[in-house]
C-alpha cells in the first residue's frame, strides 16, 4: 500500500477509521488504553530527577544543559502515513533523551551522501583533526565504530569523562554504574556510552562545518513539513569555533546531562514516516535509502543495535514487534516504533518502558484482527 504523506504543520495529519486501514478498532482502542494507563515512573521534574542521581551519583551527574519538566503521556499510531489513533497532547514539546541518537544517525547518512565522510570504515581522524583521535587508543576508531557504540573512545569531552558510562548496567533504567573495566581495542566491545555518542556528534559538526540543528532543519525536519516548535540544545561547555569563525554548540545525542532534542509527537512521527519510507518523502530522497539498510542491520557485537537505532531482527528487543521493526528509543519512556512490514509508525511519550511490549502486542493483534 502506498504511503500518504501529511501536509506541512500546522495542518492536521490525515486521519481514517482503523477499519479503513485494516485494523480492528476495539483492539486498537485496547492498545491506546494500555499506553495511557502506564505512565513512566519518572517524576515530572526532570532536573530534580537527574540532579538527585537519576543516572549516576555526584559529581558525575552535574547537569550541563537545559532541562524542563516533562509532559504528560501521549502518543499516536499511524499506518501507511494515516493517523488511526492518538491520546494525550501530541503537540506538547518535551525532551526525548536518546531518541536523538537516531537523528544523529540520519545526519551521518547525509554526511556520507554529501561526500563529507568518504568511507565509514576509515579512521575518523582522516576527516576530523581536532586532537580527539590522536591517542593510540583512539586513532583506529572508524565512523562505523562510533555509529555502533563499539568505539571504546577514551577521554573527557565537555567536562564528562567516558569512564562515567564505562561498565554501566542497562538492565535497569537509570541504575548507574555496575563497575569499571579496562578498555578494549576499537571495534571489539559494545557499550552504550553517551560521551562517545557526543564525540560522534562533535565529529559530524566538524565535517559539516555548521551547527547540526541547522543541518537537521534544512535537510530533514523542514522538508518533511515539521513544526518550528522543536529545538536541539547543547551544553554550556560544548561551544566550539567553526572554520568560518562562528561559535556553535555541539549538541548531545540525548538528555543524559541536559540539552538534547525537545520535540512533539507529531514531528517525531514525521521523522518515523521518513524512516519507514527509507529516507524518501513525497518523491524526494532526503537520506539515502542504502543508509537505512545499513542502519537497521544489527552490529556484530549486539544483535539489538544498528547505527544508533534499536533493531529487532533477533526478536529480543521488543519481542511482540515484527522482526523488521526498528526503534528510536529514549530513557523515561520515549519510543518511535517503525515497522516496514505492517506500515506502522507509532510514537509513545512518557510511557512506562515495561509496558511498551504490551502496547505493541495489542497493536499487532489489531492488525491480525
Protein backbone atom coordinates (compact mmCIF):
# COMPACT_ATOMS: atom_id res chain seq x y z
CA UNK A 1 0.00 0.00 0.00
CA UNK A 2 1.31 3.45 -0.86
CA UNK A 3 2.28 5.91 1.85
CA UNK A 4 0.27 9.06 2.49
CA UNK A 5 2.49 11.98 3.43
CA UNK A 6 0.91 14.59 5.71
CA UNK A 7 0.76 18.22 4.65
CA UNK A 8 3.13 20.60 6.43
CA UNK A 9 2.44 21.60 10.01
CA UNK A 10 0.10 23.03 11.33
CA UNK A 11 -2.28 21.06 9.10
CA UNK A 12 -3.55 18.03 10.97
CA UNK A 13 -2.42 14.56 9.97
CA UNK A 14 -4.69 12.73 7.50
CA UNK A 15 -7.00 10.53 9.56
CA UNK A 16 -9.15 7.47 8.88
CA UNK A 17 -11.02 4.92 10.90
CA UNK A 18 -8.98 1.92 11.99
CA UNK A 19 -11.14 -0.33 9.80
CA UNK A 20 -10.28 1.71 6.72
CA UNK A 21 -6.62 0.86 7.33
CA UNK A 22 -7.21 -2.81 8.08
CA UNK A 23 -7.22 -2.55 11.86
CA UNK A 24 -9.66 -3.83 14.46
CA UNK A 25 -10.91 -0.68 16.18
CA UNK A 26 -11.70 -2.32 19.50
CA UNK A 27 -8.30 -3.95 19.78
CA UNK A 28 -6.55 -0.73 18.79
CA UNK A 29 -8.53 1.06 21.50
CA UNK A 30 -7.22 -1.53 23.96
CA UNK A 31 -3.67 -0.68 22.91
CA UNK A 32 -4.28 3.03 23.43
CA UNK A 33 -5.86 2.42 26.82
CA UNK A 34 -2.89 0.27 27.80
CA UNK A 35 -0.40 3.01 26.92
CA UNK A 36 -2.44 5.74 28.58
CA UNK A 37 -2.73 3.69 31.77
CA UNK A 38 1.00 3.03 32.07
CA UNK A 39 2.76 6.32 32.69
CA UNK A 40 6.52 6.37 33.13
CA UNK A 41 7.61 6.18 36.77
CA UNK A 42 9.85 9.19 36.19
CA UNK A 43 8.82 12.39 38.01
CA UNK A 44 7.75 15.45 36.06
CA UNK A 45 10.72 17.37 37.49
CA UNK A 46 13.49 16.09 35.20
CA UNK A 47 16.07 18.50 36.57
CA UNK A 48 15.42 17.24 40.07
CA UNK A 49 15.44 13.62 38.92
CA UNK A 50 18.83 13.88 37.24
CA UNK A 51 20.19 16.21 39.89
CA UNK A 52 19.33 13.67 42.58
CA UNK A 53 21.32 10.99 40.79
CA UNK A 54 18.78 9.52 38.38
CA UNK A 55 21.58 8.26 36.14
CA UNK A 56 24.65 8.37 38.38
CA UNK A 57 25.67 9.87 41.71
CA UNK A 58 27.50 13.19 42.20
CA UNK A 59 29.71 14.61 40.89
CA UNK A 60 29.27 12.80 37.57
CA UNK A 61 25.59 13.77 37.36
CA UNK A 62 26.27 17.52 37.05
CA UNK A 63 23.75 18.97 34.59
CA UNK A 64 25.37 20.89 31.72
CA UNK A 65 22.37 21.70 29.51
CA UNK A 66 18.81 22.93 29.88
CA UNK A 67 16.20 20.66 31.46
CA UNK A 68 12.45 21.28 31.53
CA UNK A 69 9.66 19.43 33.29
CA UNK A 70 8.42 16.55 31.17
CA UNK A 71 4.97 16.39 29.68
CA UNK A 72 2.08 14.04 30.35
CA UNK A 73 1.89 10.73 28.48
CA UNK A 74 0.77 10.99 24.89
CA UNK A 75 1.19 9.18 21.61
CA UNK A 76 -0.12 8.34 18.18
CA UNK A 77 -0.39 5.42 15.78
CA UNK A 78 -0.22 5.75 12.02
CA UNK A 79 -0.48 3.15 9.29
CA UNK A 80 0.88 3.91 5.83
CA UNK A 81 1.08 7.55 6.94
CA UNK A 82 -2.58 7.82 8.03
CA UNK A 83 -3.42 8.57 11.65
CA UNK A 84 -5.62 5.89 13.22
CA UNK A 85 -5.26 6.64 16.94
CA UNK A 86 -3.92 9.25 19.33
CA UNK A 87 -4.01 10.03 23.02
CA UNK A 88 -2.90 12.98 25.12
CA UNK A 89 -1.49 16.20 23.71
CA UNK A 90 0.57 15.19 20.66
CA UNK A 91 1.84 18.76 20.22
CA UNK A 92 3.33 19.02 23.70
CA UNK A 93 7.09 19.57 23.38
CA UNK A 94 9.31 17.50 25.69
CA UNK A 95 12.89 16.35 25.72
CA UNK A 96 13.44 12.94 24.14
CA UNK A 97 16.67 11.64 25.67
CA UNK A 98 18.31 9.05 23.37
CA UNK A 99 15.77 9.33 20.56
CA UNK A 100 18.24 11.99 19.41
CA UNK A 101 20.81 9.28 18.69
CA UNK A 102 18.75 8.05 15.75
CA UNK A 103 18.58 11.62 14.45
CA UNK A 104 22.39 11.74 14.59
CA UNK A 105 22.40 8.56 12.52
CA UNK A 106 20.35 10.28 9.82
CA UNK A 107 22.78 13.20 9.81
CA UNK A 108 25.69 10.78 9.42
CA UNK A 109 23.94 9.27 6.40
CA UNK A 110 23.54 12.73 4.89
CA UNK A 111 27.24 13.45 5.52
CA UNK A 112 28.13 10.25 3.66
CA UNK A 113 25.83 11.19 0.77
CA UNK A 114 27.43 14.64 0.61
CA UNK A 115 30.91 13.15 0.42
CA UNK A 116 31.92 14.61 3.77
CA UNK A 117 32.58 11.10 5.09
CA UNK A 118 34.19 9.20 2.19
CA UNK A 119 34.17 5.80 3.92
CA UNK A 120 32.61 4.88 7.27
CA UNK A 121 35.24 2.19 7.73
CA UNK A 122 38.13 4.64 7.58
CA UNK A 123 39.50 6.22 10.77
CA UNK A 124 37.64 9.34 11.88
CA UNK A 125 40.97 11.17 12.28
CA UNK A 126 41.30 11.23 8.48
CA UNK A 127 38.31 13.62 8.36
CA UNK A 128 38.42 15.21 11.81
CA UNK A 129 41.64 16.80 13.05
CA UNK A 130 40.86 18.27 16.45
CA UNK A 131 43.03 16.16 18.73
CA UNK A 132 40.23 13.83 19.74
CA UNK A 133 41.58 10.87 17.81
CA UNK A 134 45.34 11.30 18.25
CA UNK A 135 45.99 8.81 21.06
CA UNK A 136 46.93 5.20 20.47
CA UNK A 137 43.55 4.13 21.90
CA UNK A 138 41.52 6.48 19.72
CA UNK A 139 43.47 6.60 16.45
CA UNK A 140 41.98 3.37 14.97
CA UNK A 141 38.36 4.41 15.63
CA UNK A 142 36.20 4.49 12.50
CA UNK A 143 32.86 6.13 11.86
CA UNK A 144 31.24 2.68 11.98
CA UNK A 145 32.65 2.16 15.46
CA UNK A 146 31.09 5.42 16.66
CA UNK A 147 27.76 4.65 14.99
CA UNK A 148 27.51 1.20 16.58
CA UNK A 149 28.74 2.13 20.07
CA UNK A 150 31.81 -0.05 19.67
CA UNK A 151 34.44 2.72 19.52
CA UNK A 152 35.93 2.42 23.02
CA UNK A 153 36.87 6.09 22.65
CA UNK A 154 38.79 7.30 25.69
CA UNK A 155 38.84 10.83 27.02
CA UNK A 156 36.94 13.72 28.53
CA UNK A 157 34.56 15.76 26.39
CA UNK A 158 32.83 18.96 27.53
CA UNK A 159 33.61 18.08 31.14
CA UNK A 160 32.36 14.48 31.02
CA UNK A 161 34.75 11.51 31.01
CA UNK A 162 33.94 8.38 29.01
CA UNK A 163 34.54 6.41 32.22
CA UNK A 164 31.23 7.73 33.63
CA UNK A 165 29.37 5.37 31.30
CA UNK A 166 32.01 2.65 31.25
CA UNK A 167 30.58 -0.55 32.70
CA UNK A 168 27.06 0.85 33.06
CA UNK A 169 24.31 -1.70 33.69
CA UNK A 170 21.46 -1.04 31.28
CA UNK A 171 19.33 -3.86 32.67
CA UNK A 172 17.54 -1.40 34.94
CA UNK A 173 16.90 2.07 33.54
CA UNK A 174 18.94 4.70 35.35
CA UNK A 175 20.63 2.19 37.66
CA UNK A 176 24.05 3.68 37.16
CA UNK A 177 27.43 2.00 37.01
CA UNK A 178 27.86 -1.69 37.62
CA UNK A 179 31.62 -1.46 37.80
CA UNK A 180 34.66 -0.12 35.99
CA UNK A 181 36.53 -2.15 33.39
CA UNK A 182 39.63 -1.94 31.25
CA UNK A 183 39.29 -0.55 27.74
CA UNK A 184 39.35 -2.90 24.75
CA UNK A 185 40.60 -2.15 21.22
CA UNK A 186 38.20 -0.24 18.97
CA UNK A 187 35.56 -2.45 17.43
CA UNK A 188 35.82 -5.30 19.96
CA UNK A 189 33.42 -4.25 22.74
CA UNK A 190 29.87 -2.84 22.63
CA UNK A 191 28.89 -0.28 25.24
CA UNK A 192 26.11 2.28 25.49
CA UNK A 193 28.17 5.37 26.23
CA UNK A 194 26.80 8.90 25.95
CA UNK A 195 30.21 10.57 25.99
CA UNK A 196 31.22 8.59 22.91
CA UNK A 197 27.98 9.43 21.13
CA UNK A 198 28.67 13.09 21.91
CA UNK A 199 32.12 12.58 20.34
CA UNK A 200 30.34 11.39 17.18
CA UNK A 201 28.12 14.46 17.25
CA UNK A 202 31.13 16.78 17.56
CA UNK A 203 32.80 14.93 14.68
CA UNK A 204 29.72 15.45 12.50
CA UNK A 205 29.77 19.15 13.41
CA UNK A 206 33.40 19.27 12.26
CA UNK A 207 32.72 17.68 8.86
CA UNK A 208 29.56 19.71 8.16
CA UNK A 209 31.18 22.91 9.40
CA UNK A 210 27.71 24.00 10.53
CA UNK A 211 25.61 23.55 13.67
CA UNK A 212 23.83 20.22 13.44
CA UNK A 213 20.41 21.70 14.32
CA UNK A 214 20.73 23.89 11.21
CA UNK A 215 21.51 20.87 9.06
CA UNK A 216 18.69 18.83 10.62
CA UNK A 217 16.20 21.63 9.99
CA UNK A 218 17.33 22.16 6.41
CA UNK A 219 17.72 18.55 5.34
CA UNK A 220 15.15 16.66 7.43
CA UNK A 221 12.55 18.50 9.50
CA UNK A 222 11.96 21.30 7.01
CA UNK A 223 11.37 19.01 4.00
CA UNK A 224 9.02 16.71 5.96
CA UNK A 225 6.87 19.69 6.96
CA UNK A 226 7.63 19.64 10.69
CA UNK A 227 6.73 22.48 13.00
CA UNK A 228 9.12 25.12 14.28
CA UNK A 229 8.40 24.06 17.85
CA UNK A 230 11.39 21.75 18.30
CA UNK A 231 14.91 22.55 19.49
CA UNK A 232 18.23 20.77 19.88
CA UNK A 233 20.31 22.21 22.69
CA UNK A 234 23.94 21.68 23.64
CA UNK A 235 25.80 22.13 26.90
CA UNK A 236 27.14 25.34 28.36
CA UNK A 237 30.56 23.66 27.97
CA UNK A 238 30.12 22.48 24.36
CA UNK A 239 30.79 25.67 22.41
CA UNK A 240 33.33 25.32 19.59
CA UNK A 241 34.63 27.61 16.86
CA UNK A 242 33.72 26.74 13.25
CA UNK A 243 36.05 27.32 10.28
CA UNK A 244 34.11 30.47 9.34
CA UNK A 245 34.74 31.90 12.80
CA UNK A 246 31.23 31.32 14.11
CA UNK A 247 30.71 29.87 17.57
CA UNK A 248 28.38 26.87 17.73
CA UNK A 249 27.22 24.44 20.36
CA UNK A 250 27.97 20.82 19.73
CA UNK A 251 24.72 19.03 20.56
CA UNK A 252 24.41 15.78 22.52
CA UNK A 253 22.81 12.56 21.37
CA UNK A 254 20.49 12.58 24.35
CA UNK A 255 19.48 14.39 27.52
CA UNK A 256 21.67 12.48 29.98
CA UNK A 257 23.20 15.72 31.27
CA UNK A 258 20.53 18.08 29.92
CA UNK A 259 20.02 19.55 26.48
CA UNK A 260 19.29 17.33 23.51
CA UNK A 261 16.22 17.27 21.30
CA UNK A 262 12.92 18.66 22.58
CA UNK A 263 10.11 17.93 20.13
CA UNK A 264 6.49 16.86 19.99
CA UNK A 265 4.99 13.54 18.98
CA UNK A 266 3.64 14.70 15.61
CA UNK A 267 7.05 15.89 14.45
CA UNK A 268 8.59 12.65 15.72
CA UNK A 269 6.05 10.71 13.70
CA UNK A 270 7.11 12.62 10.58
CA UNK A 271 10.70 11.53 11.15
CA UNK A 272 9.47 7.99 11.71
CA UNK A 273 7.49 8.05 8.47
CA UNK A 274 10.60 9.24 6.64
CA UNK A 275 12.50 6.28 8.10
CA UNK A 276 9.66 3.91 7.18
CA UNK A 277 9.98 5.09 3.58
CA UNK A 278 13.77 4.59 3.65
CA UNK A 279 14.64 8.28 3.57
CA UNK A 280 12.22 9.42 0.85
CA UNK A 281 9.46 11.97 1.34
CA UNK A 282 6.96 12.78 -1.39
CA UNK A 283 9.32 11.76 -4.18
CA UNK A 284 12.40 13.47 -2.72
CA UNK A 285 15.24 11.38 -1.28
CA UNK A 286 16.34 13.18 1.88
CA UNK A 287 18.52 10.43 3.37
CA UNK A 288 19.99 7.67 1.18
CA UNK A 289 17.84 4.54 1.14
CA UNK A 290 21.01 2.49 1.44
CA UNK A 291 21.76 4.21 4.73
CA UNK A 292 18.64 2.71 6.28
CA UNK A 293 19.68 -0.71 5.02
CA UNK A 294 22.96 -0.28 6.90
CA UNK A 295 21.44 1.42 9.94
CA UNK A 296 18.91 -1.31 10.66
CA UNK A 297 21.33 -4.22 10.49
CA UNK A 298 22.46 -5.43 13.92
CA UNK A 299 26.11 -4.82 14.65
CA UNK A 300 28.32 -7.84 15.15
CA UNK A 301 28.61 -7.29 18.91
CA UNK A 302 24.96 -6.59 19.76
CA UNK A 303 22.04 -8.10 17.87
CA UNK A 304 19.65 -5.38 19.09
CA UNK A 305 21.67 -2.38 17.88
CA UNK A 306 22.32 -0.90 14.44
CA UNK A 307 23.58 2.60 13.60
CA UNK A 308 22.14 4.29 16.71
CA UNK A 309 18.77 2.59 16.13
CA UNK A 310 17.42 -0.29 18.17
CA UNK A 311 16.66 -3.24 15.89
CA UNK A 312 14.58 -6.38 16.38
CA UNK A 313 15.90 -8.98 13.95
CA UNK A 314 16.57 -11.43 16.79
CA UNK A 315 13.26 -10.65 18.47
CA UNK A 316 14.99 -9.94 21.75
CA UNK A 317 14.48 -6.16 21.95
CA UNK A 318 10.67 -5.89 21.91
CA UNK A 319 9.51 -9.43 21.17
CA UNK A 320 5.96 -8.57 20.12
CA UNK A 321 7.16 -6.38 17.24
CA UNK A 322 7.89 -7.77 13.79
CA UNK A 323 11.45 -8.81 13.08
CA UNK A 324 11.93 -5.93 10.61
CA UNK A 325 10.89 -3.32 13.17
CA UNK A 326 13.35 -0.70 14.38
CA UNK A 327 13.10 1.96 17.03
CA UNK A 328 14.33 5.37 18.12
CA UNK A 329 14.41 4.83 21.87
CA UNK A 330 14.93 7.27 24.73
CA UNK A 331 15.05 6.92 28.51
CA UNK A 332 11.99 7.79 30.56
CA UNK A 333 9.56 6.11 28.19
CA UNK A 334 10.14 7.66 24.75
CA UNK A 335 9.81 5.45 21.69
CA UNK A 336 9.27 5.74 17.95
CA UNK A 337 8.29 2.31 16.60
CA UNK A 338 8.80 1.84 12.86
CA UNK A 339 7.63 -1.40 11.23
CA UNK A 340 8.00 -1.67 7.44
CA UNK A 341 6.14 -4.99 7.07
CA UNK A 342 2.96 -3.57 8.59
CA UNK A 343 3.36 0.11 7.67
CA UNK A 344 3.07 1.13 11.33
CA UNK A 345 4.74 4.22 12.76
CA UNK A 346 3.83 4.84 16.38
CA UNK A 347 5.17 7.36 18.86
CA UNK A 348 4.96 6.88 22.62
CA UNK A 349 5.88 9.67 25.03
CA UNK A 350 6.41 9.11 28.74
CA UNK A 351 5.12 5.53 28.70
CA UNK A 352 6.48 3.05 31.23
CA UNK A 353 9.14 1.09 29.29
CA UNK A 354 7.90 -2.11 30.93
CA UNK A 355 4.52 -1.58 29.22
CA UNK A 356 5.79 -0.91 25.71
CA UNK A 357 5.87 -4.50 24.52
CA UNK A 358 2.31 -4.93 25.74
CA UNK A 359 1.28 -1.90 23.68
CA UNK A 360 2.99 -3.29 20.60
CA UNK A 361 1.36 -6.70 21.12
CA UNK A 362 -2.07 -5.08 21.25
CA UNK A 363 -1.50 -3.02 18.11
CA UNK A 364 -0.30 -6.07 16.22
CA UNK A 365 -3.33 -8.01 17.43
CA UNK A 366 -5.45 -5.24 15.95
CA UNK A 367 -3.70 -5.76 12.62
CA UNK A 368 -4.23 -9.50 12.79
CA UNK A 369 -7.89 -8.88 13.56
